[in-house]
């Protein structure tokens, strides 16, 4: 078992990603102290953490970044798990004393929520890190070690490059598929779906009973 890079980790957000970070971190380092703060919880629970993971949606993470400032110290490393990086990295640059390193685990599941969290969600998956200027010496290496301990594979790039790459390989295909499914469903209707294959039906009508 490797020495934990952080002894106290606070996770703000208890959805699929936040809860999976908690499970994966507990698997890697059973002895560390983990605190999870869900929406509406007191942010004072973050005080004393040497790593804060913002695991809410992108806009909520930006608001949290501002809200946690009274509760973090100069030695606290802050990261996030949002799918875009330019906006939050720009917001972090306004907090000159905050050691913020943007992050994005390229992992997910068909169903969200903490109930579907898994310790192995990040195994072998890329985890993009976007460090800003002025990060204290050693902060990037410690976060790299943390991500590796979750069994993900760290990749370092700029926020702009991240957003360009992820837009091309993730966001654009998802939007295209969603638009295609909408058009197919509208044109075919329920009658058309009667002759469709099970794969298409499962996407357009996920709650439909299986066909015999």
N, C-alpha and C. Protein backbone atom coordinates (compact mmCIF):
# COMPACT_ATOMS: atom_id res chain seq x y z
N UNK A 1 0.85 -1.20 0.00
CA UNK A 1 0.00 0.00 0.00
C UNK A 1 0.89 1.25 0.00
N UNK A 2 0.64 2.17 -0.92
CA UNK A 2 1.44 3.38 -1.00
C UNK A 2 1.00 4.40 0.05
N UNK A 3 1.92 5.28 0.41
CA UNK A 3 1.62 6.35 1.36
C UNK A 3 0.59 7.30 0.73
N UNK A 4 -0.47 7.65 1.43
CA UNK A 4 -1.48 8.54 0.83
C UNK A 4 -0.91 9.94 0.62
N UNK A 5 -1.16 10.54 -0.54
CA UNK A 5 -0.67 11.89 -0.79
C UNK A 5 -1.43 12.94 0.00
N UNK A 6 -2.65 12.60 0.44
CA UNK A 6 -3.48 13.50 1.25
C UNK A 6 -4.06 12.69 2.40
N UNK A 7 -4.02 13.27 3.59
CA UNK A 7 -4.53 12.57 4.78
C UNK A 7 -6.01 12.85 5.03
N UNK A 8 -6.47 14.02 4.61
CA UNK A 8 -7.88 14.35 4.80
C UNK A 8 -8.44 14.91 3.50
N UNK A 9 -9.43 14.22 2.97
CA UNK A 9 -10.02 14.57 1.68
C UNK A 9 -11.49 14.93 1.88
N UNK A 10 -11.89 16.08 1.37
CA UNK A 10 -13.29 16.50 1.41
C UNK A 10 -13.83 16.52 -0.01
N UNK A 11 -14.99 15.89 -0.20
CA UNK A 11 -15.62 15.81 -1.52
C UNK A 11 -16.93 16.57 -1.46
N UNK A 12 -17.06 17.60 -2.28
CA UNK A 12 -18.28 18.40 -2.33
C UNK A 12 -19.11 17.93 -3.52
N UNK A 13 -20.14 17.15 -3.24
CA UNK A 13 -20.97 16.57 -4.28
C UNK A 13 -21.03 15.07 -4.09
N UNK A 14 -22.22 14.52 -4.00
CA UNK A 14 -22.37 13.10 -3.71
C UNK A 14 -23.15 12.37 -4.80
N UNK A 15 -22.85 12.72 -6.05
CA UNK A 15 -23.44 12.00 -7.17
C UNK A 15 -22.57 10.82 -7.56
N UNK A 16 -22.73 10.36 -8.79
CA UNK A 16 -21.98 9.20 -9.26
C UNK A 16 -20.48 9.40 -9.12
N UNK A 17 -19.97 10.54 -9.59
CA UNK A 17 -18.52 10.76 -9.58
C UNK A 17 -18.01 10.99 -8.16
N UNK A 18 -18.66 11.87 -7.41
CA UNK A 18 -18.19 12.15 -6.06
C UNK A 18 -18.19 10.92 -5.17
N UNK A 19 -19.28 10.14 -5.23
CA UNK A 19 -19.36 8.93 -4.42
C UNK A 19 -18.36 7.88 -4.89
N UNK A 20 -18.09 7.81 -6.19
CA UNK A 20 -17.11 6.86 -6.71
C UNK A 20 -15.70 7.26 -6.30
N UNK A 21 -15.41 8.57 -6.27
CA UNK A 21 -14.11 9.03 -5.76
C UNK A 21 -13.92 8.57 -4.32
N UNK A 22 -14.97 8.72 -3.53
CA UNK A 22 -14.88 8.29 -2.14
C UNK A 22 -14.59 6.79 -2.04
N UNK A 23 -15.31 5.98 -2.79
CA UNK A 23 -15.11 4.53 -2.74
C UNK A 23 -13.72 4.14 -3.23
N UNK A 24 -13.27 4.76 -4.32
CA UNK A 24 -11.96 4.43 -4.87
C UNK A 24 -10.83 4.88 -3.94
N UNK A 25 -11.00 6.04 -3.31
CA UNK A 25 -9.99 6.52 -2.36
C UNK A 25 -9.93 5.63 -1.13
N UNK A 26 -11.09 5.18 -0.66
CA UNK A 26 -11.13 4.28 0.49
C UNK A 26 -10.48 2.95 0.16
N UNK A 27 -10.68 2.48 -1.08
CA UNK A 27 -10.04 1.24 -1.51
C UNK A 27 -8.51 1.38 -1.52
N UNK A 28 -8.03 2.55 -1.97
CA UNK A 28 -6.59 2.75 -2.08
C UNK A 28 -5.93 3.00 -0.73
N UNK A 29 -6.59 3.81 0.11
CA UNK A 29 -5.99 4.20 1.39
C UNK A 29 -7.05 4.13 2.49
N UNK A 30 -7.27 2.97 3.07
CA UNK A 30 -8.34 2.82 4.07
C UNK A 30 -8.18 3.73 5.28
N UNK A 31 -6.95 4.20 5.52
CA UNK A 31 -6.71 4.97 6.74
C UNK A 31 -7.00 6.46 6.62
N UNK A 32 -7.23 6.97 5.40
CA UNK A 32 -7.42 8.42 5.28
C UNK A 32 -8.80 8.83 5.76
N UNK A 33 -8.92 10.11 6.11
CA UNK A 33 -10.20 10.65 6.56
C UNK A 33 -10.93 11.24 5.35
N UNK A 34 -12.15 10.77 5.12
CA UNK A 34 -12.94 11.22 3.99
C UNK A 34 -14.22 11.88 4.48
N UNK A 35 -14.48 13.09 3.95
CA UNK A 35 -15.71 13.81 4.28
C UNK A 35 -16.44 14.12 2.98
N UNK A 36 -17.72 13.77 2.92
CA UNK A 36 -18.54 14.08 1.74
C UNK A 36 -19.59 15.10 2.13
N UNK A 37 -19.67 16.17 1.35
CA UNK A 37 -20.63 17.24 1.61
C UNK A 37 -21.58 17.31 0.43
N UNK A 38 -22.84 17.10 0.68
CA UNK A 38 -23.84 17.16 -0.38
C UNK A 38 -24.43 18.56 -0.44
N UNK A 39 -25.25 18.80 -1.44
CA UNK A 39 -25.88 20.12 -1.59
C UNK A 39 -26.67 20.47 -0.33
N UNK A 40 -26.47 21.68 0.15
CA UNK A 40 -27.19 22.15 1.32
C UNK A 40 -26.46 21.90 2.63
N UNK A 41 -25.41 21.05 2.60
CA UNK A 41 -24.65 20.80 3.82
C UNK A 41 -23.77 22.00 4.13
N UNK A 42 -23.36 22.10 5.40
CA UNK A 42 -22.50 23.20 5.82
C UNK A 42 -21.10 23.01 5.25
N UNK A 43 -20.60 24.04 4.57
CA UNK A 43 -19.27 23.95 3.98
C UNK A 43 -18.17 23.96 5.03
N UNK A 44 -18.51 24.26 6.26
CA UNK A 44 -17.50 24.25 7.32
C UNK A 44 -16.86 22.87 7.46
N UNK A 45 -17.54 21.82 6.99
CA UNK A 45 -16.97 20.48 7.04
C UNK A 45 -15.72 20.32 6.21
N UNK A 46 -15.46 21.28 5.32
CA UNK A 46 -14.26 21.24 4.48
C UNK A 46 -13.02 21.67 5.26
N UNK A 47 -13.21 22.44 6.31
CA UNK A 47 -12.08 22.98 7.07
C UNK A 47 -11.14 21.86 7.51
N UNK A 48 -9.86 22.07 7.29
CA UNK A 48 -8.86 21.10 7.70
C UNK A 48 -8.49 20.10 6.63
N UNK A 49 -9.23 20.06 5.52
CA UNK A 49 -8.91 19.12 4.44
C UNK A 49 -7.66 19.58 3.71
N UNK A 50 -6.82 18.62 3.33
CA UNK A 50 -5.66 19.00 2.50
C UNK A 50 -5.91 18.74 1.02
N UNK A 51 -7.05 18.10 0.69
CA UNK A 51 -7.53 18.02 -0.69
C UNK A 51 -9.03 18.22 -0.68
N UNK A 52 -9.52 19.12 -1.53
CA UNK A 52 -10.96 19.33 -1.72
C UNK A 52 -11.28 18.99 -3.17
N UNK A 53 -12.24 18.07 -3.36
CA UNK A 53 -12.68 17.67 -4.70
C UNK A 53 -14.08 18.23 -4.92
N UNK A 54 -14.21 19.13 -5.89
CA UNK A 54 -15.51 19.70 -6.24
C UNK A 54 -16.15 18.79 -7.29
N UNK A 55 -17.16 18.04 -6.87
CA UNK A 55 -17.75 17.01 -7.73
C UNK A 55 -19.21 17.29 -8.05
N UNK A 56 -19.58 18.56 -8.09
CA UNK A 56 -20.92 18.97 -8.49
C UNK A 56 -20.91 19.31 -9.99
N UNK A 57 -22.06 19.67 -10.58
CA UNK A 57 -22.05 20.14 -11.97
C UNK A 57 -21.16 21.37 -12.15
N UNK A 58 -20.79 21.66 -13.39
CA UNK A 58 -19.77 22.67 -13.68
C UNK A 58 -20.09 24.03 -13.05
N UNK A 59 -21.29 24.55 -13.27
CA UNK A 59 -21.62 25.88 -12.74
C UNK A 59 -21.65 25.86 -11.22
N UNK A 60 -22.14 24.78 -10.64
CA UNK A 60 -22.16 24.67 -9.19
C UNK A 60 -20.74 24.61 -8.63
N UNK A 61 -19.83 23.96 -9.35
CA UNK A 61 -18.43 23.90 -8.90
C UNK A 61 -17.81 25.29 -8.85
N UNK A 62 -18.15 26.13 -9.82
CA UNK A 62 -17.61 27.50 -9.83
C UNK A 62 -18.12 28.27 -8.62
N UNK A 63 -19.40 28.10 -8.30
CA UNK A 63 -19.95 28.75 -7.11
C UNK A 63 -19.31 28.20 -5.84
N UNK A 64 -19.10 26.89 -5.80
CA UNK A 64 -18.46 26.28 -4.64
C UNK A 64 -17.03 26.77 -4.46
N UNK A 65 -16.34 26.96 -5.57
CA UNK A 65 -14.96 27.45 -5.49
C UNK A 65 -14.88 28.78 -4.76
N UNK A 66 -15.86 29.64 -5.00
CA UNK A 66 -15.92 30.91 -4.27
C UNK A 66 -16.33 30.69 -2.81
N UNK A 67 -17.30 29.81 -2.61
CA UNK A 67 -17.87 29.64 -1.27
C UNK A 67 -16.92 28.98 -0.28
N UNK A 68 -16.00 28.13 -0.76
CA UNK A 68 -15.13 27.40 0.16
C UNK A 68 -13.92 28.21 0.62
N UNK A 69 -13.72 29.38 0.05
CA UNK A 69 -12.51 30.15 0.36
C UNK A 69 -12.29 30.37 1.86
N UNK A 70 -13.33 30.67 2.66
CA UNK A 70 -13.08 30.88 4.09
C UNK A 70 -12.66 29.62 4.84
N UNK A 71 -12.81 28.45 4.22
CA UNK A 71 -12.59 27.19 4.93
C UNK A 71 -11.33 26.45 4.51
N UNK A 72 -10.59 26.98 3.55
CA UNK A 72 -9.38 26.29 3.10
C UNK A 72 -8.15 27.10 3.49
N UNK A 73 -7.04 26.41 3.58
CA UNK A 73 -5.78 27.05 3.97
C UNK A 73 -4.84 27.14 2.77
N UNK A 74 -3.70 27.75 3.00
CA UNK A 74 -2.73 27.92 1.91
C UNK A 74 -2.21 26.58 1.41
N UNK A 75 -2.23 25.55 2.26
CA UNK A 75 -1.72 24.25 1.85
C UNK A 75 -2.75 23.33 1.23
N UNK A 76 -3.99 23.79 1.14
CA UNK A 76 -5.06 22.94 0.60
C UNK A 76 -4.99 22.90 -0.93
N UNK A 77 -5.03 21.72 -1.48
CA UNK A 77 -5.13 21.55 -2.93
C UNK A 77 -6.61 21.39 -3.28
N UNK A 78 -7.06 22.12 -4.28
CA UNK A 78 -8.45 22.06 -4.72
C UNK A 78 -8.49 21.58 -6.16
N UNK A 79 -9.37 20.64 -6.44
CA UNK A 79 -9.55 20.18 -7.82
C UNK A 79 -11.05 20.02 -8.07
N UNK A 80 -11.41 19.70 -9.30
CA UNK A 80 -12.82 19.48 -9.63
C UNK A 80 -12.92 18.29 -10.57
N UNK A 81 -14.15 17.93 -10.91
CA UNK A 81 -14.36 16.79 -11.82
C UNK A 81 -15.24 17.18 -13.00
N UNK A 82 -15.37 18.48 -13.28
CA UNK A 82 -16.27 18.95 -14.31
C UNK A 82 -15.80 18.63 -15.72
N UNK A 83 -16.74 18.62 -16.66
CA UNK A 83 -16.44 18.22 -18.03
C UNK A 83 -15.95 19.35 -18.91
N UNK A 84 -15.94 20.59 -18.40
CA UNK A 84 -15.30 21.70 -19.11
C UNK A 84 -14.36 22.40 -18.14
N UNK A 85 -13.30 23.00 -18.66
CA UNK A 85 -12.25 23.48 -17.78
C UNK A 85 -11.97 24.98 -17.87
N UNK A 86 -12.24 25.60 -18.99
CA UNK A 86 -11.85 27.00 -19.14
C UNK A 86 -12.51 27.91 -18.11
N UNK A 87 -13.81 27.75 -17.90
CA UNK A 87 -14.53 28.66 -17.02
C UNK A 87 -14.08 28.53 -15.57
N UNK A 88 -13.95 27.30 -15.09
CA UNK A 88 -13.57 27.14 -13.68
C UNK A 88 -12.10 27.50 -13.45
N UNK A 89 -11.25 27.23 -14.43
CA UNK A 89 -9.84 27.62 -14.28
C UNK A 89 -9.70 29.15 -14.28
N UNK A 90 -10.51 29.83 -15.07
CA UNK A 90 -10.51 31.29 -15.06
C UNK A 90 -11.01 31.81 -13.73
N UNK A 91 -12.04 31.16 -13.17
CA UNK A 91 -12.54 31.56 -11.85
C UNK A 91 -11.49 31.33 -10.78
N UNK A 92 -10.77 30.21 -10.88
CA UNK A 92 -9.73 29.91 -9.89
C UNK A 92 -8.59 30.91 -9.94
N UNK A 93 -8.31 31.44 -11.13
CA UNK A 93 -7.21 32.41 -11.27
C UNK A 93 -7.48 33.68 -10.47
N UNK A 94 -8.76 33.96 -10.17
CA UNK A 94 -9.08 35.14 -9.36
C UNK A 94 -8.75 34.93 -7.89
N UNK A 95 -8.60 33.68 -7.47
CA UNK A 95 -8.23 33.35 -6.10
C UNK A 95 -6.75 32.99 -6.09
N UNK A 96 -5.90 33.99 -6.04
CA UNK A 96 -4.47 33.79 -6.23
C UNK A 96 -3.84 32.89 -5.18
N UNK A 97 -4.42 32.84 -4.01
CA UNK A 97 -3.83 32.01 -2.96
C UNK A 97 -4.32 30.58 -2.96
N UNK A 98 -5.18 30.22 -3.89
CA UNK A 98 -5.76 28.88 -3.92
C UNK A 98 -4.99 28.00 -4.89
N UNK A 99 -4.54 26.83 -4.41
CA UNK A 99 -3.82 25.87 -5.25
C UNK A 99 -4.84 25.02 -5.99
N UNK A 100 -5.34 25.55 -7.11
CA UNK A 100 -6.39 24.86 -7.87
C UNK A 100 -5.79 24.18 -9.08
N UNK A 101 -6.17 22.91 -9.26
CA UNK A 101 -5.78 22.14 -10.44
C UNK A 101 -7.04 21.53 -11.01
N UNK A 102 -7.44 21.96 -12.19
CA UNK A 102 -8.65 21.41 -12.79
C UNK A 102 -8.51 19.93 -13.08
N UNK A 103 -9.62 19.21 -12.99
CA UNK A 103 -9.59 17.78 -13.26
C UNK A 103 -10.85 17.32 -13.95
N UNK A 104 -10.72 16.25 -14.72
CA UNK A 104 -11.89 15.68 -15.41
C UNK A 104 -11.66 14.19 -15.62
N UNK A 105 -12.27 13.34 -14.78
CA UNK A 105 -12.18 11.90 -15.03
C UNK A 105 -13.06 11.52 -16.22
N UNK A 106 -12.47 10.87 -17.20
CA UNK A 106 -13.22 10.46 -18.39
C UNK A 106 -13.87 9.10 -18.11
N UNK A 107 -14.85 9.14 -17.23
CA UNK A 107 -15.52 7.91 -16.80
C UNK A 107 -16.97 8.24 -16.50
N UNK A 108 -17.82 7.26 -16.57
CA UNK A 108 -19.23 7.47 -16.28
C UNK A 108 -19.96 6.14 -16.27
N UNK A 109 -21.27 6.21 -16.18
CA UNK A 109 -22.10 5.01 -16.16
C UNK A 109 -23.44 5.34 -16.80
N UNK A 110 -24.17 4.31 -17.16
CA UNK A 110 -25.48 4.50 -17.79
C UNK A 110 -26.45 5.21 -16.86
N UNK A 111 -26.31 4.98 -15.57
CA UNK A 111 -27.18 5.61 -14.58
C UNK A 111 -26.33 6.41 -13.60
N UNK A 112 -26.80 7.62 -13.26
CA UNK A 112 -26.09 8.47 -12.33
C UNK A 112 -26.53 8.25 -10.90
N UNK A 113 -26.02 9.11 -10.02
CA UNK A 113 -26.41 9.06 -8.63
C UNK A 113 -25.48 8.21 -7.79
N UNK A 114 -25.45 8.52 -6.49
CA UNK A 114 -24.57 7.81 -5.57
C UNK A 114 -24.89 6.33 -5.48
N UNK A 115 -26.14 5.96 -5.71
CA UNK A 115 -26.52 4.55 -5.61
C UNK A 115 -25.81 3.70 -6.66
N UNK A 116 -25.34 4.32 -7.74
CA UNK A 116 -24.66 3.59 -8.80
C UNK A 116 -23.15 3.78 -8.78
N UNK A 117 -22.64 4.37 -7.71
CA UNK A 117 -21.20 4.59 -7.59
C UNK A 117 -20.45 3.27 -7.46
N UNK A 118 -19.22 3.25 -7.98
CA UNK A 118 -18.39 2.05 -7.92
C UNK A 118 -16.95 2.44 -7.64
N UNK A 119 -16.27 1.63 -6.86
CA UNK A 119 -14.85 1.87 -6.58
C UNK A 119 -14.00 1.72 -7.83
N UNK A 120 -14.45 0.91 -8.79
CA UNK A 120 -13.66 0.66 -9.99
C UNK A 120 -14.05 1.53 -11.18
N UNK A 121 -14.84 2.56 -10.94
CA UNK A 121 -15.34 3.39 -12.04
C UNK A 121 -14.20 4.02 -12.85
N UNK A 122 -13.10 4.34 -12.19
CA UNK A 122 -12.00 5.06 -12.87
C UNK A 122 -10.87 4.13 -13.31
N UNK A 123 -11.00 2.84 -13.06
CA UNK A 123 -9.91 1.91 -13.37
C UNK A 123 -9.53 1.98 -14.85
N UNK A 124 -8.29 2.35 -15.11
CA UNK A 124 -7.78 2.40 -16.47
C UNK A 124 -8.29 3.54 -17.32
N UNK A 125 -9.09 4.44 -16.74
CA UNK A 125 -9.68 5.53 -17.50
C UNK A 125 -8.80 6.79 -17.44
N UNK A 126 -8.77 7.59 -18.51
CA UNK A 126 -8.02 8.85 -18.46
C UNK A 126 -8.62 9.81 -17.43
N UNK A 127 -7.74 10.54 -16.77
CA UNK A 127 -8.16 11.60 -15.83
C UNK A 127 -7.34 12.83 -16.20
N UNK A 128 -7.98 13.79 -16.82
CA UNK A 128 -7.26 14.96 -17.33
C UNK A 128 -7.07 15.98 -16.21
N UNK A 129 -5.85 16.52 -16.12
CA UNK A 129 -5.51 17.53 -15.13
C UNK A 129 -5.07 18.80 -15.85
N UNK A 130 -5.56 19.94 -15.40
CA UNK A 130 -5.24 21.22 -16.04
C UNK A 130 -4.72 22.20 -14.99
N UNK A 131 -3.45 22.08 -14.60
CA UNK A 131 -2.89 22.97 -13.57
C UNK A 131 -2.75 24.40 -14.08
N UNK A 132 -3.03 25.35 -13.21
CA UNK A 132 -2.86 26.76 -13.57
C UNK A 132 -1.49 27.26 -13.18
N UNK A 133 -1.25 28.54 -13.45
CA UNK A 133 0.03 29.14 -13.10
C UNK A 133 0.10 29.37 -11.59
N UNK A 134 1.31 29.31 -11.07
CA UNK A 134 1.51 29.64 -9.67
C UNK A 134 1.12 28.56 -8.68
N UNK A 135 0.96 27.32 -9.14
CA UNK A 135 0.63 26.22 -8.23
C UNK A 135 1.86 25.91 -7.37
N UNK A 136 1.68 25.76 -6.07
CA UNK A 136 2.83 25.48 -5.20
C UNK A 136 3.57 24.22 -5.62
N UNK A 137 4.87 24.22 -5.41
CA UNK A 137 5.69 23.06 -5.76
C UNK A 137 5.18 21.82 -5.03
N UNK A 138 5.02 20.76 -5.76
CA UNK A 138 4.59 19.50 -5.17
C UNK A 138 3.11 19.25 -5.24
N UNK A 139 2.29 20.31 -5.43
CA UNK A 139 0.83 20.12 -5.45
C UNK A 139 0.41 19.25 -6.62
N UNK A 140 0.98 19.51 -7.79
CA UNK A 140 0.63 18.72 -8.97
C UNK A 140 1.02 17.27 -8.82
N UNK A 141 2.19 17.02 -8.25
CA UNK A 141 2.65 15.66 -8.06
C UNK A 141 1.79 14.89 -7.07
N UNK A 142 1.35 15.57 -6.02
CA UNK A 142 0.48 14.91 -5.04
C UNK A 142 -0.87 14.54 -5.65
N UNK A 143 -1.43 15.45 -6.45
CA UNK A 143 -2.72 15.15 -7.09
C UNK A 143 -2.56 14.05 -8.12
N UNK A 144 -1.43 14.05 -8.83
CA UNK A 144 -1.14 12.99 -9.79
C UNK A 144 -1.10 11.63 -9.07
N UNK A 145 -0.47 11.60 -7.90
CA UNK A 145 -0.40 10.38 -7.11
C UNK A 145 -1.78 9.95 -6.64
N UNK A 146 -2.62 10.91 -6.26
CA UNK A 146 -3.98 10.60 -5.82
C UNK A 146 -4.78 9.97 -6.96
N UNK A 147 -4.71 10.58 -8.14
CA UNK A 147 -5.45 10.07 -9.30
C UNK A 147 -4.96 8.67 -9.67
N UNK A 148 -3.64 8.48 -9.63
CA UNK A 148 -3.08 7.16 -9.92
C UNK A 148 -3.55 6.14 -8.89
N UNK A 149 -3.67 6.57 -7.63
CA UNK A 149 -4.15 5.68 -6.58
C UNK A 149 -5.59 5.25 -6.79
N UNK A 150 -6.37 6.10 -7.46
CA UNK A 150 -7.75 5.73 -7.82
C UNK A 150 -7.77 4.79 -9.02
N UNK A 151 -6.57 4.46 -9.53
CA UNK A 151 -6.35 3.56 -10.67
C UNK A 151 -6.75 4.18 -12.00
N UNK A 152 -6.80 5.52 -12.03
CA UNK A 152 -6.99 6.23 -13.29
C UNK A 152 -5.63 6.57 -13.89
N UNK A 153 -5.64 7.11 -15.10
CA UNK A 153 -4.39 7.43 -15.81
C UNK A 153 -4.35 8.93 -16.04
N UNK A 154 -3.47 9.66 -15.31
CA UNK A 154 -3.44 11.12 -15.44
C UNK A 154 -2.89 11.58 -16.79
N UNK A 155 -3.51 12.64 -17.32
CA UNK A 155 -3.03 13.31 -18.53
C UNK A 155 -3.06 14.81 -18.23
N UNK A 156 -1.96 15.50 -18.47
CA UNK A 156 -1.88 16.94 -18.19
C UNK A 156 -1.98 17.72 -19.49
N UNK A 157 -2.85 18.74 -19.50
CA UNK A 157 -2.99 19.61 -20.67
C UNK A 157 -3.57 20.94 -20.23
N UNK A 158 -3.61 21.91 -21.14
CA UNK A 158 -4.17 23.21 -20.82
C UNK A 158 -5.70 23.13 -20.82
N UNK A 159 -6.37 24.07 -20.13
CA UNK A 159 -7.84 24.08 -20.17
C UNK A 159 -8.40 24.20 -21.59
N UNK A 160 -7.77 25.05 -22.43
CA UNK A 160 -8.26 25.22 -23.80
C UNK A 160 -8.16 23.92 -24.60
N UNK A 161 -7.01 23.25 -24.46
CA UNK A 161 -6.82 22.01 -25.20
C UNK A 161 -7.79 20.95 -24.71
N UNK A 162 -8.01 20.89 -23.39
CA UNK A 162 -8.98 19.94 -22.84
C UNK A 162 -10.35 20.16 -23.46
N UNK A 163 -10.83 21.39 -23.45
CA UNK A 163 -12.19 21.66 -23.93
C UNK A 163 -12.32 21.36 -25.42
N UNK A 164 -11.24 21.60 -26.17
CA UNK A 164 -11.27 21.30 -27.61
C UNK A 164 -11.33 19.78 -27.83
N UNK A 165 -10.47 19.05 -27.13
CA UNK A 165 -10.43 17.59 -27.29
C UNK A 165 -11.73 16.95 -26.83
N UNK A 166 -12.19 17.31 -25.64
CA UNK A 166 -13.38 16.67 -25.08
C UNK A 166 -14.62 17.04 -25.90
N UNK A 167 -14.66 18.28 -26.41
CA UNK A 167 -15.77 18.66 -27.27
C UNK A 167 -15.83 17.79 -28.51
N UNK A 168 -14.66 17.41 -29.03
CA UNK A 168 -14.61 16.62 -30.26
C UNK A 168 -14.92 15.15 -30.01
N UNK A 169 -14.39 14.59 -28.92
CA UNK A 169 -14.50 13.14 -28.72
C UNK A 169 -15.64 12.73 -27.80
N UNK A 170 -16.24 13.70 -27.08
CA UNK A 170 -17.29 13.34 -26.13
C UNK A 170 -18.56 14.15 -26.33
N UNK A 171 -18.47 15.48 -26.23
CA UNK A 171 -19.67 16.30 -26.26
C UNK A 171 -20.36 16.27 -27.64
N UNK A 172 -19.59 16.42 -28.71
CA UNK A 172 -20.18 16.44 -30.05
C UNK A 172 -20.85 15.10 -30.39
N UNK A 173 -20.18 13.95 -30.18
CA UNK A 173 -20.86 12.68 -30.45
C UNK A 173 -22.13 12.49 -29.62
N UNK A 174 -22.10 12.94 -28.36
CA UNK A 174 -23.28 12.79 -27.51
C UNK A 174 -24.44 13.62 -28.04
N UNK A 175 -24.15 14.89 -28.40
CA UNK A 175 -25.20 15.75 -28.94
C UNK A 175 -25.75 15.19 -30.26
N UNK A 176 -24.84 14.68 -31.10
CA UNK A 176 -25.25 14.14 -32.39
C UNK A 176 -26.16 12.92 -32.19
N UNK A 177 -25.76 12.03 -31.26
CA UNK A 177 -26.57 10.84 -31.00
C UNK A 177 -27.94 11.21 -30.43
N UNK A 178 -27.95 12.20 -29.53
CA UNK A 178 -29.23 12.62 -28.93
C UNK A 178 -30.15 13.21 -29.98
N UNK A 179 -29.58 14.05 -30.87
CA UNK A 179 -30.39 14.64 -31.94
C UNK A 179 -30.92 13.57 -32.89
N UNK A 180 -30.07 12.60 -33.22
CA UNK A 180 -30.49 11.52 -34.11
C UNK A 180 -31.62 10.71 -33.49
N UNK A 181 -31.50 10.38 -32.21
CA UNK A 181 -32.54 9.60 -31.54
C UNK A 181 -33.86 10.37 -31.48
N UNK A 182 -33.76 11.71 -31.30
CA UNK A 182 -34.97 12.53 -31.28
C UNK A 182 -35.67 12.49 -32.64
N UNK A 183 -34.88 12.64 -33.70
CA UNK A 183 -35.46 12.63 -35.05
C UNK A 183 -36.06 11.27 -35.36
N UNK A 184 -35.33 10.20 -35.03
CA UNK A 184 -35.83 8.84 -35.31
C UNK A 184 -37.13 8.59 -34.56
N UNK A 185 -37.16 8.96 -33.28
CA UNK A 185 -38.37 8.75 -32.49
C UNK A 185 -39.55 9.54 -33.02
N UNK A 186 -39.30 10.76 -33.47
CA UNK A 186 -40.38 11.60 -33.99
C UNK A 186 -40.92 11.07 -35.31
N UNK A 187 -40.01 10.62 -36.19
CA UNK A 187 -40.44 10.14 -37.49
C UNK A 187 -41.12 8.77 -37.40
N UNK A 188 -40.56 7.90 -36.56
CA UNK A 188 -41.08 6.53 -36.50
C UNK A 188 -42.33 6.42 -35.65
N UNK A 189 -42.35 7.11 -34.51
CA UNK A 189 -43.48 6.98 -33.61
C UNK A 189 -43.57 5.58 -33.01
N UNK A 190 -44.57 5.36 -32.20
CA UNK A 190 -44.71 4.07 -31.54
C UNK A 190 -44.93 2.94 -32.54
N UNK A 191 -45.67 3.23 -33.62
CA UNK A 191 -45.93 2.18 -34.61
C UNK A 191 -44.64 1.75 -35.29
N UNK A 192 -43.80 2.73 -35.63
CA UNK A 192 -42.53 2.39 -36.27
C UNK A 192 -41.60 1.61 -35.36
N UNK A 193 -41.64 1.93 -34.08
CA UNK A 193 -40.77 1.23 -33.14
C UNK A 193 -41.15 -0.23 -32.97
N UNK A 194 -42.36 -0.59 -33.37
CA UNK A 194 -42.77 -1.99 -33.28
C UNK A 194 -41.90 -2.89 -34.16
N UNK A 195 -41.32 -2.32 -35.23
CA UNK A 195 -40.49 -3.14 -36.11
C UNK A 195 -39.01 -2.83 -35.93
N UNK A 196 -38.67 -1.98 -34.96
CA UNK A 196 -37.27 -1.62 -34.71
C UNK A 196 -36.58 -2.71 -33.90
N UNK A 197 -35.26 -2.72 -34.00
CA UNK A 197 -34.47 -3.67 -33.23
C UNK A 197 -34.48 -3.33 -31.74
N UNK A 198 -34.11 -4.27 -30.88
CA UNK A 198 -34.16 -4.04 -29.44
C UNK A 198 -33.19 -2.96 -28.96
N UNK A 199 -32.06 -2.79 -29.68
CA UNK A 199 -31.10 -1.77 -29.27
C UNK A 199 -31.67 -0.38 -29.38
N UNK A 200 -32.32 -0.08 -30.51
CA UNK A 200 -32.93 1.24 -30.71
C UNK A 200 -34.07 1.46 -29.72
N UNK A 201 -34.89 0.45 -29.51
CA UNK A 201 -36.01 0.60 -28.58
C UNK A 201 -35.51 0.87 -27.17
N UNK A 202 -34.43 0.22 -26.76
CA UNK A 202 -33.90 0.41 -25.41
C UNK A 202 -33.40 1.83 -25.18
N UNK A 203 -32.95 2.48 -26.26
CA UNK A 203 -32.47 3.87 -26.15
C UNK A 203 -33.65 4.83 -26.10
N UNK A 204 -34.62 4.65 -27.03
CA UNK A 204 -35.74 5.58 -27.13
C UNK A 204 -36.79 5.36 -26.05
N UNK A 205 -36.95 4.11 -25.61
CA UNK A 205 -37.97 3.79 -24.60
C UNK A 205 -37.35 2.86 -23.56
N UNK A 206 -36.45 3.42 -22.71
CA UNK A 206 -35.70 2.59 -21.78
C UNK A 206 -36.56 1.87 -20.75
N UNK A 207 -37.78 2.36 -20.50
CA UNK A 207 -38.64 1.74 -19.50
C UNK A 207 -39.63 0.74 -20.09
N UNK A 208 -39.54 0.54 -21.40
CA UNK A 208 -40.46 -0.41 -22.04
C UNK A 208 -40.11 -1.83 -21.63
N UNK A 209 -41.12 -2.70 -21.43
CA UNK A 209 -40.83 -4.10 -21.08
C UNK A 209 -40.14 -4.81 -22.23
N UNK A 210 -39.25 -5.75 -21.93
CA UNK A 210 -38.54 -6.47 -23.00
C UNK A 210 -39.50 -7.28 -23.85
N UNK A 211 -39.14 -7.36 -25.12
CA UNK A 211 -39.99 -8.15 -26.03
C UNK A 211 -39.69 -9.62 -25.89
N UNK A 212 -40.71 -10.41 -26.07
CA UNK A 212 -40.54 -11.87 -25.97
C UNK A 212 -39.94 -12.40 -27.27
